Amino acid sequence: MTRHEDKEAAVRRLLDTPHPPVPSDLAVRAVARGSRRARRQRVARRVLWGLFVLAALAFTVWASVERPWEVPPAATTPPLEGW
């Protein structure tokens, strides 16, 4: 027997056995769990977007106050020559 035939025989043996009993409330529990997961994902997405907006707002305020695109003033004055 080849390895493929061994696997196929094992699967056939598993399928020939009686199936385990399924709880009657399985569908209800699955729907509840899925609803909770969807709600948590929605809340997490909203929190992350809120943090992103706050970070963008903080960056905008910082940039408008500090003006990093401007050249900083010189620490010393240039020498006066030719007076």
PDB file of N, CA and C in Angstrom:
ATOM      1  N   MET A   1       0.841  -1.190   0.000  1.00  0.00           N
ATOM      2  CA  MET A   1       0.000   0.000   0.000  1.00  0.00           C
ATOM      3  C   MET A   1       0.881   1.246   0.000  1.00  0.00           C
ATOM      4  N   THR A   2       0.437   2.198  -0.742  1.00  0.00           N
ATOM      5  CA  THR A   2       1.176   3.451  -0.768  1.00  0.00           C
ATOM      6  C   THR A   2       0.684   4.354   0.354  1.00  0.00           C
ATOM      7  N   ARG A   3       1.417   5.414   0.552  1.00  0.00           N
ATOM      8  CA  ARG A   3       1.055   6.358   1.616  1.00  0.00           C
ATOM      9  C   ARG A   3      -0.324   6.965   1.350  1.00  0.00           C
ATOM     10  N   HIS A   4      -0.611   7.257   0.077  1.00  0.00           N
ATOM     11  CA  HIS A   4      -1.909   7.829  -0.282  1.00  0.00           C
ATOM     12  C   HIS A   4      -3.048   6.851   0.059  1.00  0.00           C
ATOM     13  N   GLU A   5      -2.827   5.573  -0.227  1.00  0.00           N
ATOM     14  CA  GLU A   5      -3.864   4.572   0.069  1.00  0.00           C
ATOM     15  C   GLU A   5      -4.056   4.426   1.570  1.00  0.00           C
ATOM     16  N   ASP A   6      -2.976   4.539   2.354  1.00  0.00           N
ATOM     17  CA  ASP A   6      -3.099   4.480   3.810  1.00  0.00           C
ATOM     18  C   ASP A   6      -3.950   5.636   4.331  1.00  0.00           C
ATOM     19  N   LYS A   7      -3.705   6.810   3.798  1.00  0.00           N
ATOM     20  CA  LYS A   7      -4.485   7.981   4.221  1.00  0.00           C
ATOM     21  C   LYS A   7      -5.952   7.820   3.835  1.00  0.00           C
ATOM     22  N   GLU A   8      -6.169   7.339   2.629  1.00  0.00           N
ATOM     23  CA  GLU A   8      -7.549   7.151   2.181  1.00  0.00           C
ATOM     24  C   GLU A   8      -8.266   6.127   3.039  1.00  0.00           C
ATOM     25  N   ALA A   9      -7.592   5.049   3.397  1.00  0.00           N
ATOM     26  CA  ALA A   9      -8.199   4.026   4.250  1.00  0.00           C
ATOM     27  C   ALA A   9      -8.497   4.593   5.636  1.00  0.00           C
ATOM     28  N   ALA A  10      -7.620   5.410   6.171  1.00  0.00           N
ATOM     29  CA  ALA A  10      -7.850   6.016   7.479  1.00  0.00           C
ATOM     30  C   ALA A  10      -9.066   6.937   7.439  1.00  0.00           C
ATOM     31  N   VAL A  11      -9.205   7.702   6.375  1.00  0.00           N
ATOM     32  CA  VAL A  11     -10.352   8.598   6.241  1.00  0.00           C
ATOM     33  C   VAL A  11     -11.632   7.785   6.116  1.00  0.00           C
ATOM     34  N   ARG A  12     -11.595   6.704   5.358  1.00  0.00           N
ATOM     35  CA  ARG A  12     -12.792   5.866   5.218  1.00  0.00           C
ATOM     36  C   ARG A  12     -13.199   5.259   6.559  1.00  0.00           C
ATOM     37  N   ARG A  13     -12.210   4.834   7.362  1.00  0.00           N
ATOM     38  CA  ARG A  13     -12.525   4.284   8.687  1.00  0.00           C
ATOM     39  C   ARG A  13     -13.172   5.347   9.576  1.00  0.00           C
ATOM     40  N   LEU A  14     -12.664   6.582   9.495  1.00  0.00           N
ATOM     41  CA  LEU A  14     -13.253   7.661  10.292  1.00  0.00           C
ATOM     42  C   LEU A  14     -14.684   7.954   9.866  1.00  0.00           C
ATOM     43  N   LEU A  15     -14.928   7.917   8.552  1.00  0.00           N
ATOM     44  CA  LEU A  15     -16.271   8.219   8.058  1.00  0.00           C
ATOM     45  C   LEU A  15     -17.254   7.090   8.332  1.00  0.00           C
ATOM     46  N   ASP A  16     -16.766   5.881   8.494  1.00  0.00           N
ATOM     47  CA  ASP A  16     -17.650   4.746   8.763  1.00  0.00           C
ATOM     48  C   ASP A  16     -18.129   4.716  10.206  1.00  0.00           C
ATOM     49  N   THR A  17     -17.442   5.381  11.107  1.00  0.00           N
ATOM     50  CA  THR A  17     -17.846   5.386  12.514  1.00  0.00           C
ATOM     51  C   THR A  17     -19.053   6.301  12.682  1.00  0.00           C
ATOM     52  N   PRO A  18     -19.839   6.073  13.740  1.00  0.00           N
ATOM     53  CA  PRO A  18     -20.995   6.951  13.962  1.00  0.00           C
ATOM     54  C   PRO A  18     -20.525   8.373  14.305  1.00  0.00           C
ATOM     55  N   HIS A  19     -21.270   9.332  13.816  1.00  0.00           N
ATOM     56  CA  HIS A  19     -20.920  10.729  14.045  1.00  0.00           C
ATOM     57  C   HIS A  19     -21.233  11.112  15.487  1.00  0.00           C
ATOM     58  N   PRO A  20     -20.427  11.979  16.093  1.00  0.00           N
ATOM     59  CA  PRO A  20     -20.683  12.390  17.472  1.00  0.00           C
ATOM     60  C   PRO A  20     -21.945  13.257  17.537  1.00  0.00           C
ATOM     61  N   PRO A  21     -22.609  13.241  18.669  1.00  0.00           N
ATOM     62  CA  PRO A  21     -23.830  14.050  18.789  1.00  0.00           C
ATOM     63  C   PRO A  21     -23.484  15.543  18.795  1.00  0.00           C
ATOM     64  N   VAL A  22     -24.323  16.321  18.158  1.00  0.00           N
ATOM     65  CA  VAL A  22     -24.133  17.765  18.083  1.00  0.00           C
ATOM     66  C   VAL A  22     -25.093  18.421  19.065  1.00  0.00           C
ATOM     67  N   PRO A  23     -24.595  19.357  19.896  1.00  0.00           N
ATOM     68  CA  PRO A  23     -25.494  20.030  20.826  1.00  0.00           C
ATOM     69  C   PRO A  23     -26.608  20.769  20.083  1.00  0.00           C
ATOM     70  N   SER A  24     -27.784  20.782  20.670  1.00  0.00           N
ATOM     71  CA  SER A  24     -28.926  21.391  19.994  1.00  0.00           C
ATOM     72  C   SER A  24     -28.803  22.908  19.911  1.00  0.00           C
ATOM     73  N   ASP A  25     -28.058  23.505  20.828  1.00  0.00           N
ATOM     74  CA  ASP A  25     -27.932  24.964  20.825  1.00  0.00           C
ATOM     75  C   ASP A  25     -26.637  25.437  20.144  1.00  0.00           C
ATOM     76  N   LEU A  26     -26.041  24.598  19.335  1.00  0.00           N
ATOM     77  CA  LEU A  26     -24.776  24.931  18.687  1.00  0.00           C
ATOM     78  C   LEU A  26     -24.912  26.149  17.768  1.00  0.00           C
ATOM     79  N   ALA A  27     -25.967  26.204  16.980  1.00  0.00           N
ATOM     80  CA  ALA A  27     -26.156  27.326  16.059  1.00  0.00           C
ATOM     81  C   ALA A  27     -26.359  28.630  16.821  1.00  0.00           C
ATOM     82  N   VAL A  28     -27.104  28.579  17.909  1.00  0.00           N
ATOM     83  CA  VAL A  28     -27.359  29.775  18.715  1.00  0.00           C
ATOM     84  C   VAL A  28     -26.057  30.285  19.324  1.00  0.00           C
ATOM     85  N   ARG A  29     -25.248  29.372  19.848  1.00  0.00           N
ATOM     86  CA  ARG A  29     -23.964  29.773  20.436  1.00  0.00           C
ATOM     87  C   ARG A  29     -23.023  30.323  19.375  1.00  0.00           C
ATOM     88  N   ALA A  30     -23.033  29.738  18.187  1.00  0.00           N
ATOM     89  CA  ALA A  30     -22.172  30.220  17.101  1.00  0.00           C
ATOM     90  C   ALA A  30     -22.570  31.633  16.682  1.00  0.00           C
ATOM     91  N   VAL A  31     -23.864  31.894  16.586  1.00  0.00           N
ATOM     92  CA  VAL A  31     -24.336  33.233  16.223  1.00  0.00           C
ATOM     93  C   VAL A  31     -23.949  34.240  17.301  1.00  0.00           C
ATOM     94  N   ALA A  32     -24.101  33.860  18.571  1.00  0.00           N
ATOM     95  CA  ALA A  32     -23.750  34.768  19.670  1.00  0.00           C
ATOM     96  C   ALA A  32     -22.259  35.071  19.657  1.00  0.00           C
ATOM     97  N   ARG A  33     -21.450  34.056  19.456  1.00  0.00           N
ATOM     98  CA  ARG A  33     -19.999  34.261  19.426  1.00  0.00           C
ATOM     99  C   ARG A  33     -19.598  35.131  18.237  1.00  0.00           C
ATOM    100  N   GLY A  34     -20.205  34.885  17.095  1.00  0.00           N
ATOM    101  CA  GLY A  34     -19.911  35.699  15.917  1.00  0.00           C
ATOM    102  C   GLY A  34     -20.328  37.146  16.115  1.00  0.00           C
ATOM    103  N   SER A  35     -21.473  37.366  16.756  1.00  0.00           N
ATOM    104  CA  SER A  35     -21.931  38.734  17.023  1.00  0.00           C
ATOM    105  C   SER A  35     -20.973  39.456  17.958  1.00  0.00           C
ATOM    106  N   ARG A  36     -20.515  38.757  19.006  1.00  0.00           N
ATOM    107  CA  ARG A  36     -19.559  39.363  19.945  1.00  0.00           C
ATOM    108  C   ARG A  36     -18.265  39.722  19.229  1.00  0.00           C
ATOM    109  N   ARG A  37     -17.790  38.818  18.395  1.00  0.00           N
ATOM    110  CA  ARG A  37     -16.536  39.069  17.676  1.00  0.00           C
ATOM    111  C   ARG A  37     -16.677  40.251  16.724  1.00  0.00           C
ATOM    112  N   ALA A  38     -17.789  40.330  16.013  1.00  0.00           N
ATOM    113  CA  ALA A  38     -18.015  41.440  15.095  1.00  0.00           C
ATOM    114  C   ALA A  38     -18.094  42.760  15.858  1.00  0.00           C
ATOM    115  N   ARG A  39     -18.761  42.743  17.007  1.00  0.00           N
ATOM    116  CA  ARG A  39     -18.877  43.949  17.821  1.00  0.00           C
ATOM    117  C   ARG A  39     -17.503  44.394  18.320  1.00  0.00           C
ATOM    118  N   ARG A  40     -16.690  43.458  18.783  1.00  0.00           N
ATOM    119  CA  ARG A  40     -15.349  43.796  19.267  1.00  0.00           C
ATOM    120  C   ARG A  40     -14.493  44.357  18.140  1.00  0.00           C
ATOM    121  N   GLN A  41     -14.581  43.768  16.953  1.00  0.00           N
ATOM    122  CA  GLN A  41     -13.809  44.273  15.822  1.00  0.00           C
ATOM    123  C   GLN A  41     -14.252  45.681  15.441  1.00  0.00           C
ATOM    124  N   ARG A  42     -15.557  45.929  15.483  1.00  0.00           N
ATOM    125  CA  ARG A  42     -16.076  47.250  15.153  1.00  0.00           C
ATOM    126  C   ARG A  42     -15.592  48.295  16.162  1.00  0.00           C
ATOM    127  N   VAL A  43     -15.628  47.940  17.454  1.00  0.00           N
ATOM    128  CA  VAL A  43     -15.154  48.859  18.494  1.00  0.00           C
ATOM    129  C   VAL A  43     -13.653  49.098  18.337  1.00  0.00           C
ATOM    130  N   ALA A  44     -12.891  48.053  18.090  1.00  0.00           N
ATOM    131  CA  ALA A  44     -11.442  48.200  17.927  1.00  0.00           C
ATOM    132  C   ALA A  44     -11.131  49.081  16.722  1.00  0.00           C
ATOM    133  N   ARG A  45     -11.855  48.897  15.634  1.00  0.00           N
ATOM    134  CA  ARG A  45     -11.632  49.715  14.441  1.00  0.00           C
ATOM    135  C   ARG A  45     -11.928  51.185  14.732  1.00  0.00           C
ATOM    136  N   ARG A  46     -13.025  51.451  15.455  1.00  0.00           N
ATOM    137  CA  ARG A  46     -13.367  52.836  15.789  1.00  0.00           C
ATOM    138  C   ARG A  46     -12.332  53.461  16.715  1.00  0.00           C
ATOM    139  N   VAL A  47     -11.835  52.693  17.674  1.00  0.00           N
ATOM    140  CA  VAL A  47     -10.811  53.208  18.583  1.00  0.00           C
ATOM    141  C   VAL A  47      -9.534  53.529  17.815  1.00  0.00           C
ATOM    142  N   LEU A  48      -9.121  52.645  16.929  1.00  0.00           N
ATOM    143  CA  LEU A  48      -7.910  52.898  16.146  1.00  0.00           C
ATOM    144  C   LEU A  48      -8.073  54.117  15.239  1.00  0.00           C
ATOM    145  N   TRP A  49      -9.220  54.284  14.619  1.00  0.00           N
ATOM    146  CA  TRP A  49      -9.446  55.470  13.791  1.00  0.00           C
ATOM    147  C   TRP A  49      -9.441  56.726  14.653  1.00  0.00           C
ATOM    148  N   GLY A  50     -10.020  56.638  15.846  1.00  0.00           N
ATOM    149  CA  GLY A  50     -10.002  57.784  16.760  1.00  0.00           C
ATOM    150  C   GLY A  50      -8.579  58.156  17.148  1.00  0.00           C
ATOM    151  N   LEU A  51      -7.756  57.152  17.447  1.00  0.00           N
ATOM    152  CA  LEU A  51      -6.355  57.425  17.776  1.00  0.00           C
ATOM    153  C   LEU A  51      -5.620  58.035  16.586  1.00  0.00           C
ATOM    154  N   PHE A  52      -5.899  57.556  15.399  1.00  0.00           N
ATOM    155  CA  PHE A  52      -5.278  58.108  14.203  1.00  0.00           C
ATOM    156  C   PHE A  52      -5.650  59.573  14.016  1.00  0.00           C
ATOM    157  N   VAL A  53      -6.927  59.899  14.208  1.00  0.00           N
ATOM    158  CA  VAL A  53      -7.382  61.279  14.056  1.00  0.00           C
ATOM    159  C   VAL A  53      -6.727  62.160  15.119  1.00  0.00           C
ATOM    160  N   LEU A  54      -6.655  61.672  16.358  1.00  0.00           N
ATOM    161  CA  LEU A  54      -6.005  62.449  17.419  1.00  0.00           C
ATOM    162  C   LEU A  54      -4.525  62.675  17.118  1.00  0.00           C
ATOM    163  N   ALA A  55      -3.847  61.666  16.609  1.00  0.00           N
ATOM    164  CA  ALA A  55      -2.431  61.817  16.264  1.00  0.00           C
ATOM    165  C   ALA A  55      -2.264  62.829  15.139  1.00  0.00           C
ATOM    166  N   ALA A  56      -3.127  62.790  14.138  1.00  0.00           N
ATOM    167  CA  ALA A  56      -3.042  63.750  13.039  1.00  0.00           C
ATOM    168  C   ALA A  56      -3.319  65.165  13.540  1.00  0.00           C
ATOM    169  N   LEU A  57      -4.283  65.319  14.431  1.00  0.00           N
ATOM    170  CA  LEU A  57      -4.590  66.626  15.003  1.00  0.00           C
ATOM    171  C   LEU A  57      -3.422  67.138  15.843  1.00  0.00           C
ATOM    172  N   ALA A  58      -2.835  66.253  16.665  1.00  0.00           N
ATOM    173  CA  ALA A  58      -1.685  66.652  17.485  1.00  0.00           C
ATOM    174  C   ALA A  58      -0.512  67.063  16.594  1.00  0.00           C
ATOM    175  N   PHE A  59      -0.266  66.346  15.516  1.00  0.00           N
ATOM    176  CA  PHE A  59       0.814  66.702  14.598  1.00  0.00           C
ATOM    177  C   PHE A  59       0.546  68.052  13.952  1.00  0.00           C
ATOM    178  N   THR A  60      -0.701  68.300  13.556  1.00  0.00           N
ATOM    179  CA  THR A  60      -1.049  69.563  12.923  1.00  0.00           C
ATOM    180  C   THR A  60      -0.838  70.733  13.880  1.00  0.00           C
ATOM    181  N   VAL A  61      -1.275  70.570  15.125  1.00  0.00           N
ATOM    182  CA  VAL A  61      -1.089  71.631  16.122  1.00  0.00           C
ATOM    183  C   VAL A  61       0.402  71.856  16.361  1.00  0.00           C
ATOM    184  N   TRP A  62       1.163  70.792  16.533  1.00  0.00           N
ATOM    185  CA  TRP A  62       2.609  70.928  16.757  1.00  0.00           C
ATOM    186  C   TRP A  62       3.278  71.644  15.591  1.00  0.00           C
ATOM    187  N   ALA A  63       2.926  71.242  14.374  1.00  0.00           N
ATOM    188  CA  ALA A  63       3.551  71.835  13.198  1.00  0.00           C
ATOM    189  C   ALA A  63       3.177  73.307  13.063  1.00  0.00           C
ATOM    190  N   SER A  64       1.953  73.661  13.417  1.00  0.00           N
ATOM    191  CA  SER A  64       1.562  75.067  13.296  1.00  0.00           C
ATOM    192  C   SER A  64       2.238  75.930  14.354  1.00  0.00           C
ATOM    193  N   VAL A  65       2.577  75.368  15.505  1.00  0.00           N
ATOM    194  CA  VAL A  65       3.253  76.120  16.563  1.00  0.00           C
ATOM    195  C   VAL A  65       4.754  76.176  16.311  1.00  0.00           C
ATOM    196  N   GLU A  66       5.371  75.063  16.003  1.00  0.00           N
ATOM    197  CA  GLU A  66       6.822  74.989  15.856  1.00  0.00           C
ATOM    198  C   GLU A  66       7.322  75.439  14.490  1.00  0.00           C
ATOM    199  N   ARG A  67       6.536  75.289  13.467  1.00  0.00           N
ATOM    200  CA  ARG A  67       6.907  75.635  12.086  1.00  0.00           C
ATOM    201  C   ARG A  67       8.270  75.045  11.721  1.00  0.00           C
ATOM    202  N   PRO A  68       8.354  73.717  11.640  1.00  0.00           N
ATOM    203  CA  PRO A  68       9.648  73.085  11.376  1.00  0.00           C
ATOM    204  C   PRO A  68      10.184  73.355   9.970  1.00  0.00           C
ATOM    205  N   TRP A  69       9.394  73.886   9.082  1.00  0.00           N
ATOM    206  CA  TRP A  69       9.857  74.161   7.727  1.00  0.00           C
ATOM    207  C   TRP A  69      10.627  75.479   7.633  1.00  0.00           C
ATOM    208  N   GLU A  70      10.527  76.322   8.678  1.00  0.00           N
ATOM    209  CA  GLU A  70      11.261  77.585   8.659  1.00  0.00           C
ATOM    210  C   GLU A  70      12.685  77.382   9.149  1.00  0.00           C
ATOM    211  N   VAL A  71      13.592  78.195   8.646  1.00  0.00           N
ATOM    212  CA  VAL A  71      14.987  78.138   9.074  1.00  0.00           C
ATOM    213  C   VAL A  71      15.079  78.774  10.456  1.00  0.00           C
ATOM    214  N   PRO A  72      15.735  78.116  11.406  1.00  0.00           N
ATOM    215  CA  PRO A  72      15.832  78.707  12.742  1.00  0.00           C
ATOM    216  C   PRO A  72      16.718  79.948  12.724  1.00  0.00           C
ATOM    217  N   PRO A  73      16.454  80.879  13.626  1.00  0.00           N
ATOM    218  CA  PRO A  73      17.283  82.088  13.649  1.00  0.00           C
ATOM    219  C   PRO A  73      18.715  81.746  14.043  1.00  0.00           C
ATOM    220  N   ALA A  74      19.636  82.523  13.523  1.00  0.00           N
ATOM    221  CA  ALA A  74      21.050  82.279  13.812  1.00  0.00           C
ATOM    222  C   ALA A  74      21.337  82.601  15.281  1.00  0.00           C
ATOM    223  N   ALA A  75      22.240  81.858  15.863  1.00  0.00           N
ATOM    224  CA  ALA A  75      22.588  82.085  17.265  1.00  0.00           C
ATOM    225  C   ALA A  75      23.453  83.333  17.422  1.00  0.00           C
ATOM    226  N   THR A  76      24.219  83.670  16.416  1.00  0.00           N
ATOM    227  CA  THR A  76      25.067  84.874  16.464  1.00  0.00           C
ATOM    228  C   THR A  76      24.757  85.750  15.265  1.00  0.00           C
ATOM    229  N   THR A  77      25.043  87.005  15.406  1.00  0.00           N
ATOM    230  CA  THR A  77      24.808  87.921  14.280  1.00  0.00           C
ATOM    231  C   THR A  77      26.009  87.886  13.348  1.00  0.00           C
ATOM    232  N   PRO A  78      25.794  88.116  12.090  1.00  0.00           N
ATOM    233  CA  PRO A  78      26.926  88.111  11.165  1.00  0.00           C
ATOM    234  C   PRO A  78      27.819  89.326  11.437  1.00  0.00           C
ATOM    235  N   PRO A  79      29.081  89.186  11.140  1.00  0.00           N
ATOM    236  CA  PRO A  79      29.990  90.311  11.394  1.00  0.00           C
ATOM    237  C   PRO A  79      29.684  91.502  10.489  1.00  0.00           C
ATOM    238  N   LEU A  80      29.829  92.693  11.058  1.00  0.00           N
ATOM    239  CA  LEU A  80      29.597  93.923  10.288  1.00  0.00           C
ATOM    240  C   LEU A  80      30.945  94.427   9.799  1.00  0.00           C
ATOM    241  N   GLU A  81      31.135  94.396   8.527  1.00  0.00           N
ATOM    242  CA  GLU A  81      32.382  94.869   7.943  1.00  0.00           C
ATOM    243  C   GLU A  81      32.082  95.946   6.912  1.00  0.00           C
ATOM    244  N   GLY A  82      32.973  96.826   6.762  1.00  0.00           N
ATOM    245  CA  GLY A  82      32.829  97.859   5.759  1.00  0.00           C
ATOM    246  C   GLY A  82      32.047  99.070   6.231  1.00  0.00           C
ATOM    247  N   TRP A  83      32.056  99.354   7.502  1.00  0.00           N
ATOM    248  CA  TRP A  83      31.363 100.543   7.999  1.00  0.00           C
ATOM    249  C   TRP A  83      32.168 101.738   7.759  1.00  0.00           C
TER     250      TRP A  83
END
